[in-house]
């Protein structure tokens, strides 16, 4: 499940190329913020216990269930450049191994991604 909203007024009919109403520009007389789109997302995955029960993998250091909750902002400079700033909190159904002696039940991720289309 995901929700997003353009603070700068762009209208989206599909997820193709987006052209901001006012592309990002710092030149005097042409200043523009680009398009800003905050978003929130929730993901859930359960692959079933049969992965472990049928010896397809060792279930001790892994889990078959994970949830993630994330939020961030997409910043479209123009129709060719997009920056994504995102935070994700991941929750494991069972503790997972992070090394030979330690496990954890959750993980956090900060992400900065740049996308260039041409």
Protein backbone atom coordinates (compact mmCIF):
# COMPACT_ATOMS: atom_id res chain seq x y z
CA UNK A 1 0.00 0.00 0.00
CA UNK A 2 1.39 3.39 -0.94
CA UNK A 3 0.14 6.95 -0.85
CA UNK A 4 1.70 10.08 -2.32
CA UNK A 5 0.76 13.69 -3.00
CA UNK A 6 2.34 16.43 -5.12
CA UNK A 7 2.87 19.55 -3.01
CA UNK A 8 3.63 21.56 -6.16
CA UNK A 9 0.33 20.82 -7.95
CA UNK A 10 1.32 18.31 -10.64
CA UNK A 11 -1.40 15.95 -11.85
CA UNK A 12 -0.52 12.32 -12.57
CA UNK A 13 -2.59 10.10 -14.83
CA UNK A 14 -0.06 7.22 -14.79
CA UNK A 15 3.55 6.52 -13.82
CA UNK A 16 5.22 7.66 -17.02
CA UNK A 17 7.54 10.64 -17.46
CA UNK A 18 6.59 13.55 -15.20
CA UNK A 19 7.22 17.13 -16.28
CA UNK A 20 7.14 19.49 -13.28
CA UNK A 21 4.93 22.58 -13.60
CA UNK A 22 7.98 24.68 -12.71
CA UNK A 23 11.25 22.75 -13.31
CA UNK A 24 14.05 23.24 -10.79
CA UNK A 25 16.14 26.28 -11.77
CA UNK A 26 18.16 28.71 -9.66
CA UNK A 27 18.76 31.32 -12.36
CA UNK A 28 17.28 34.73 -11.63
CA UNK A 29 14.00 35.21 -13.46
CA UNK A 30 13.62 31.46 -14.10
CA UNK A 31 13.51 30.16 -10.53
CA UNK A 32 11.51 27.00 -10.01
CA UNK A 33 11.22 24.41 -7.20
CA UNK A 34 10.75 21.32 -9.37
CA UNK A 35 8.05 18.87 -8.26
CA UNK A 36 7.92 17.65 -4.65
CA UNK A 37 6.08 14.41 -3.81
CA UNK A 38 6.09 13.11 -0.21
CA UNK A 39 5.04 9.47 0.14
CA UNK A 40 4.35 6.73 2.70
CA UNK A 41 4.41 3.00 2.05
CA UNK A 42 3.63 -0.27 3.87
CA UNK A 43 4.81 -3.69 2.59
CA UNK A 44 4.14 -7.20 3.89
CA UNK A 45 5.63 -10.50 2.67
CA UNK A 46 4.99 -14.02 3.97
CA UNK A 47 6.48 -16.89 1.95
CA UNK A 48 5.01 -19.66 4.13
CA UNK A 49 6.69 -22.13 6.49
CA UNK A 50 7.08 -24.79 3.77
CA UNK A 51 10.33 -23.08 2.70
CA UNK A 52 11.82 -24.26 6.00
CA UNK A 53 9.72 -27.40 6.56
CA UNK A 54 10.79 -28.91 3.20
CA UNK A 55 14.48 -28.18 3.88
CA UNK A 56 14.74 -25.64 1.07
CA UNK A 57 16.64 -23.43 3.51
CA UNK A 58 17.80 -23.45 7.11
CA UNK A 59 15.14 -21.61 9.13
CA UNK A 60 17.27 -20.93 12.20
CA UNK A 61 18.97 -17.70 11.09
CA UNK A 62 16.19 -16.48 8.76
CA UNK A 63 12.51 -15.57 8.73
CA UNK A 64 9.70 -16.21 6.29
CA UNK A 65 7.82 -13.01 7.18
CA UNK A 66 8.78 -9.35 6.87
CA UNK A 67 7.00 -6.00 7.08
CA UNK A 68 8.34 -2.59 6.13
CA UNK A 69 7.09 0.90 6.82
CA UNK A 70 8.64 3.73 4.86
CA UNK A 71 8.30 7.38 4.07
CA UNK A 72 10.21 9.90 2.06
CA UNK A 73 10.07 12.44 -0.71
CA UNK A 74 10.58 12.35 -4.47
CA UNK A 75 12.07 15.54 -5.93
CA UNK A 76 11.69 15.85 -9.68
CA UNK A 77 14.11 18.53 -10.96
CA UNK A 78 12.75 18.26 -14.50
CA UNK A 79 11.45 15.49 -16.75
CA UNK A 80 14.93 13.89 -16.80
CA UNK A 81 16.25 14.03 -13.20
CA UNK A 82 14.64 12.69 -10.02
CA UNK A 83 16.04 12.43 -6.47
CA UNK A 84 14.55 10.12 -3.84
CA UNK A 85 15.11 10.56 -0.09
CA UNK A 86 13.65 7.66 1.89
CA UNK A 87 13.58 6.03 5.34
CA UNK A 88 12.46 2.40 5.80
CA UNK A 89 11.86 0.51 9.05
CA UNK A 90 11.83 -3.26 8.50
CA UNK A 91 10.32 -5.71 11.01
CA UNK A 92 11.19 -9.42 10.81
CA UNK A 93 8.69 -12.10 11.87
CA UNK A 94 11.48 -14.06 13.63
CA UNK A 95 14.95 -12.87 14.68
CA UNK A 96 17.46 -13.05 11.81
CA UNK A 97 21.21 -13.57 11.99
CA UNK A 98 23.41 -10.52 11.44
CA UNK A 99 26.64 -12.40 12.19
CA UNK A 100 27.71 -15.71 13.77
CA UNK A 101 26.54 -14.79 17.29
CA UNK A 102 23.92 -12.01 17.01
CA UNK A 103 20.36 -11.69 15.72
CA UNK A 104 18.00 -8.76 15.23
CA UNK A 105 14.24 -8.33 14.92
CA UNK A 106 14.25 -5.10 12.90
CA UNK A 107 16.41 -3.00 10.63
CA UNK A 108 16.49 0.63 9.50
CA UNK A 109 17.49 2.00 6.11
CA UNK A 110 18.16 5.53 4.90
CA UNK A 111 18.26 5.80 1.13
CA UNK A 112 19.28 8.49 -1.34
CA UNK A 113 18.74 7.57 -4.97
CA UNK A 114 19.24 9.54 -8.18
CA UNK A 115 17.44 8.65 -11.38
CA UNK A 116 18.38 10.06 -14.79
CA UNK A 117 16.14 9.35 -17.79
CA UNK A 118 17.12 10.08 -21.36
